[in-house]
Each structure stands twice: as C-alpha cells, then as structure tokens.
Amino acid sequence: QVQLVESGGGLVQPGGSLRLSCAASGRTINTYAMGWFRQAPGKERETVATINWSGTSTYYADSVKGRFTISRDNAKKTVYLQMNSLKPEDTAVYYCAKPDRPYTMYYTASDFDFWGQGTQVTVSS
C-alpha cells in the first residue's frame, strides 16, 4: 500500500499563494497518475488537477486554470500544487490521491483509490 501525506495548507489572504506538497511512502507512485482534489463544506469533492505518471500531461479544472500548477518529482516521490491568485472560493480541504492502475491518465475522483488525509486551505482577509 501507499501512504500519502499532504502539507502546506494554511490561511492566506485573497490574491496570495500557497504550495501544497503530497509525499508518498510505501509503494512507488512513479508509474501512476496523481491528482489533487478539494472539498468545501456542504459540497462534493471535485477535481482540481491531475498529472500523468511522467509529468508530461496535466489536466486542470476550469476554475483553477491559469492560477494553479501541478507538478511532480518522482525521485522524491512527491507531487506539488502551486496555487497563485487565490480566491475565497478556493477555500476547502485539499487531498492528493493515487489510482490503482499504472500508466493511465485519470481526471475524476472516482478513478482514484488511495487518498491522503487532506490539508486545509483557507482564503480570507
């Protein structure tokens, strides 16, 4: 099994930036797509961004396109989410996740099988 641990969340003012990290331990993530998702109170979990196993293909939700960047360092078994120009509507618990099938790109939360515990991001003045 793989263990995923998110970090980097916190309180930030509108327009600010945060960088989330997702560190994996246990089994490798190097041959798997990875994803960042978020869930705000009273709302369903939604895809923020996903990245393929090699880092050469990415997908972004329309709501974050141009503001967020997903990347990965397979040598460090870590996936990142750089969040710029943050808005109050970005407030949510952010999760990283890994699918069960390697070498396949995925886009929706239901395709991911292993989840971290989440990190809170609050955008407020």
C-alpha atoms as a PDB file:
ATOM      1  CA  GLN A   1       0.000   0.000   0.000  1.00  0.00           C
ATOM      2  CA  VAL A   2       0.969   3.598  -0.443  1.00  0.00           C
ATOM      3  CA  GLN A   3       0.643   6.302   2.195  1.00  0.00           C
ATOM      4  CA  LEU A   4       0.042   9.870   1.065  1.00  0.00           C
ATOM      5  CA  VAL A   5       0.638  12.858   3.319  1.00  0.00           C
ATOM      6  CA  GLU A   6      -0.346  16.377   2.282  1.00  0.00           C
ATOM      7  CA  SER A   7       1.228  19.508   3.714  1.00  0.00           C
ATOM      8  CA  GLY A   8       1.467  23.209   3.003  1.00  0.00           C
ATOM      9  CA  GLY A   9      -2.075  24.315   3.695  1.00  0.00           C
ATOM     10  CA  GLY A  10      -2.954  27.312   5.816  1.00  0.00           C
ATOM     11  CA  LEU A  11      -4.605  30.712   5.953  1.00  0.00           C
ATOM     12  CA  VAL A  12      -3.819  33.145   3.156  1.00  0.00           C
ATOM     13  CA  GLN A  13      -5.257  36.444   2.005  1.00  0.00           C
ATOM     14  CA  PRO A  14      -7.051  36.744  -1.338  1.00  0.00           C
ATOM     15  CA  GLY A  15      -4.500  37.122  -4.105  1.00  0.00           C
ATOM     16  CA  GLY A  16      -1.896  35.215  -2.152  1.00  0.00           C
ATOM     17  CA  SER A  17      -0.102  31.965  -2.915  1.00  0.00           C
ATOM     18  CA  LEU A  18       0.418  28.581  -1.323  1.00  0.00           C
ATOM     19  CA  ARG A  19       2.336  25.494  -2.368  1.00  0.00           C
ATOM     20  CA  LEU A  20       0.912  22.135  -1.353  1.00  0.00           C
ATOM     21  CA  SER A  21       3.035  19.003  -1.223  1.00  0.00           C
ATOM     22  CA  CYS A  22       1.988  15.366  -1.269  1.00  0.00           C
ATOM     23  CA  ALA A  23       4.681  12.975  -0.056  1.00  0.00           C
ATOM     24  CA  ALA A  24       4.300   9.286  -0.762  1.00  0.00           C
ATOM     25  CA  SER A  25       5.746   6.409   1.198  1.00  0.00           C
ATOM     26  CA  GLY A  26       5.441   2.678   0.841  1.00  0.00           C
ATOM     27  CA  ARG A  27       4.832   1.630  -2.739  1.00  0.00           C
ATOM     28  CA  THR A  28       6.093   3.754  -5.610  1.00  0.00           C
ATOM     29  CA  ILE A  29       3.958   6.405  -7.286  1.00  0.00           C
ATOM     30  CA  ASN A  30       6.387   6.841 -10.164  1.00  0.00           C
ATOM     31  CA  THR A  31       4.312   4.861 -12.680  1.00  0.00           C
ATOM     32  CA  TYR A  32       0.945   6.277 -11.650  1.00  0.00           C
ATOM     33  CA  ALA A  33      -1.010   9.396 -12.431  1.00  0.00           C
ATOM     34  CA  MET A  34      -1.632  11.565  -9.395  1.00  0.00           C
ATOM     35  CA  GLY A  35      -4.315  14.076  -8.604  1.00  0.00           C
ATOM     36  CA  TRP A  36      -5.268  16.960  -6.350  1.00  0.00           C
ATOM     37  CA  PHE A  37      -8.881  17.309  -5.273  1.00  0.00           C
ATOM     38  CA  ARG A  38     -10.761  19.560  -2.896  1.00  0.00           C
ATOM     39  CA  GLN A  39     -13.916  19.535  -0.856  1.00  0.00           C
ATOM     40  CA  ALA A  40     -15.591  22.586   0.606  1.00  0.00           C
ATOM     41  CA  PRO A  41     -18.202  22.343   3.390  1.00  0.00           C
ATOM     42  CA  GLY A  42     -21.525  21.197   2.016  1.00  0.00           C
ATOM     43  CA  LYS A  43     -20.094  20.484  -1.421  1.00  0.00           C
ATOM     44  CA  GLU A  44     -18.982  17.387  -3.261  1.00  0.00           C
ATOM     45  CA  ARG A  45     -15.313  16.552  -3.728  1.00  0.00           C
ATOM     46  CA  GLU A  46     -14.076  17.981  -7.023  1.00  0.00           C
ATOM     47  CA  THR A  47     -11.039  17.568  -9.200  1.00  0.00           C
ATOM     48  CA  VAL A  48      -8.511  20.396  -9.034  1.00  0.00           C
ATOM     49  CA  ALA A  49      -5.729  18.996 -11.218  1.00  0.00           C
ATOM     50  CA  THR A  50      -4.240  15.695 -12.332  1.00  0.00           C
ATOM     51  CA  ILE A  51      -0.872  14.755 -13.804  1.00  0.00           C
ATOM     52  CA  ASN A  52       0.269  11.688 -15.690  1.00  0.00           C
ATOM     53  CA  TRP A  53       2.990   9.355 -14.441  1.00  0.00           C
ATOM     54  CA  SER A  54       5.825  11.094 -16.285  1.00  0.00           C
ATOM     55  CA  GLY A  55       4.650  14.645 -15.692  1.00  0.00           C
ATOM     56  CA  THR A  56       4.233  15.337 -19.406  1.00  0.00           C
ATOM     57  CA  SER A  57       0.442  15.668 -19.357  1.00  0.00           C
ATOM     58  CA  THR A  58      -1.730  17.683 -16.984  1.00  0.00           C
ATOM     59  CA  TYR A  59      -5.401  18.470 -16.537  1.00  0.00           C
ATOM     60  CA  TYR A  60      -6.961  21.413 -14.680  1.00  0.00           C
ATOM     61  CA  ALA A  61     -10.464  22.273 -13.644  1.00  0.00           C
ATOM     62  CA  ASP A  62     -11.690  25.406 -15.396  1.00  0.00           C
ATOM     63  CA  SER A  63     -11.976  27.174 -12.055  1.00  0.00           C
ATOM     64  CA  VAL A  64      -8.218  26.953 -11.401  1.00  0.00           C
ATOM     65  CA  LYS A  65      -6.791  27.036 -14.925  1.00  0.00           C
ATOM     66  CA  GLY A  66      -4.106  29.689 -15.243  1.00  0.00           C
ATOM     67  CA  ARG A  67      -3.758  30.057 -11.462  1.00  0.00           C
ATOM     68  CA  PHE A  68      -2.727  26.587 -10.230  1.00  0.00           C
ATOM     69  CA  THR A  69       0.121  24.358 -11.413  1.00  0.00           C
ATOM     70  CA  ILE A  70       0.507  20.663 -10.672  1.00  0.00           C
ATOM     71  CA  SER A  71       3.949  19.074 -10.866  1.00  0.00           C
ATOM     72  CA  ARG A  72       5.792  16.027  -9.606  1.00  0.00           C
ATOM     73  CA  ASP A  73       9.270  14.916  -8.623  1.00  0.00           C
ATOM     74  CA  ASN A  74       9.362  11.152  -8.985  1.00  0.00           C
ATOM     75  CA  ALA A  75      12.824  10.931  -7.438  1.00  0.00           C
ATOM     76  CA  LYS A  76      11.367  12.456  -4.267  1.00  0.00           C
ATOM     77  CA  LYS A  77       8.020  10.613  -4.605  1.00  0.00           C
ATOM     78  CA  THR A  78       6.309  13.964  -4.183  1.00  0.00           C
ATOM     79  CA  VAL A  79       3.551  15.793  -6.032  1.00  0.00           C
ATOM     80  CA  TYR A  80       3.055  19.547  -5.758  1.00  0.00           C
ATOM     81  CA  LEU A  81       0.248  22.022  -6.291  1.00  0.00           C
ATOM     82  CA  GLN A  82       1.340  25.639  -6.695  1.00  0.00           C
ATOM     83  CA  MET A  83      -1.645  27.879  -6.069  1.00  0.00           C
ATOM     84  CA  ASN A  84      -1.457  31.535  -7.084  1.00  0.00           C
ATOM     85  CA  SER A  85      -4.016  34.352  -7.133  1.00  0.00           C
ATOM     86  CA  LEU A  86      -6.058  32.541  -4.513  1.00  0.00           C
ATOM     87  CA  LYS A  87      -9.716  33.420  -4.108  1.00  0.00           C
ATOM     88  CA  PRO A  88     -12.112  32.904  -1.183  1.00  0.00           C
ATOM     89  CA  GLU A  89     -13.899  30.254  -3.251  1.00  0.00           C
ATOM     90  CA  ASP A  90     -10.681  28.184  -3.218  1.00  0.00           C
ATOM     91  CA  THR A  91     -11.250  27.564   0.493  1.00  0.00           C
ATOM     92  CA  ALA A  92     -11.518  23.802   1.030  1.00  0.00           C
ATOM     93  CA  VAL A  93      -9.746  20.724   2.299  1.00  0.00           C
ATOM     94  CA  TYR A  94      -7.284  19.656  -0.379  1.00  0.00           C
ATOM     95  CA  TYR A  95      -6.477  15.996  -0.935  1.00  0.00           C
ATOM     96  CA  CYS A  96      -3.973  14.174  -3.076  1.00  0.00           C
ATOM     97  CA  ALA A  97      -4.753  10.753  -4.451  1.00  0.00           C
ATOM     98  CA  LYS A  98      -3.361   7.893  -6.493  1.00  0.00           C
ATOM     99  CA  PRO A  99      -5.188   5.463  -8.796  1.00  0.00           C
ATOM    100  CA  ASP A 100      -4.782   1.717  -8.722  1.00  0.00           C
ATOM    101  CA  ARG A 101      -3.834   1.264 -12.385  1.00  0.00           C
ATOM    102  CA  PRO A 102      -0.415   2.445 -13.649  1.00  0.00           C
ATOM    103  CA  TYR A 103       0.433   4.265 -16.874  1.00  0.00           C
ATOM    104  CA  THR A 104      -3.103   5.614 -17.279  1.00  0.00           C
ATOM    105  CA  MET A 105      -4.233   9.237 -17.078  1.00  0.00           C
ATOM    106  CA  TYR A 106      -7.311   9.931 -14.966  1.00  0.00           C
ATOM    107  CA  TYR A 107      -9.452  13.006 -14.413  1.00  0.00           C
ATOM    108  CA  THR A 108     -12.186  12.294 -11.856  1.00  0.00           C
ATOM    109  CA  ALA A 109     -12.145  11.493  -8.150  1.00  0.00           C
ATOM    110  CA  SER A 110     -13.901   8.164  -8.651  1.00  0.00           C
ATOM    111  CA  ASP A 111     -10.899   6.890 -10.621  1.00  0.00           C
ATOM    112  CA  PHE A 112      -8.547   7.339  -7.654  1.00  0.00           C
ATOM    113  CA  ASP A 113      -8.222   4.683  -4.997  1.00  0.00           C
ATOM    114  CA  PHE A 114      -5.719   5.841  -2.394  1.00  0.00           C
ATOM    115  CA  TRP A 115      -6.146   9.143  -0.572  1.00  0.00           C
ATOM    116  CA  GLY A 116      -4.264  11.312   1.849  1.00  0.00           C
ATOM    117  CA  GLN A 117      -5.810  12.819   4.965  1.00  0.00           C
ATOM    118  CA  GLY A 118      -6.125  16.276   3.453  1.00  0.00           C
ATOM    119  CA  THR A 119      -4.826  19.744   4.277  1.00  0.00           C
ATOM    120  CA  GLN A 120      -6.986  22.795   4.957  1.00  0.00           C
ATOM    121  CA  VAL A 121      -6.657  25.849   2.736  1.00  0.00           C
ATOM    122  CA  THR A 122      -8.487  28.972   3.864  1.00  0.00           C
ATOM    123  CA  VAL A 123      -8.509  32.118   1.747  1.00  0.00           C
ATOM    124  CA  SER A 124      -9.789  35.051   3.722  1.00  0.00           C
ATOM    125  CA  SER A 125      -8.946  38.635   4.578  1.00  0.00           C
END
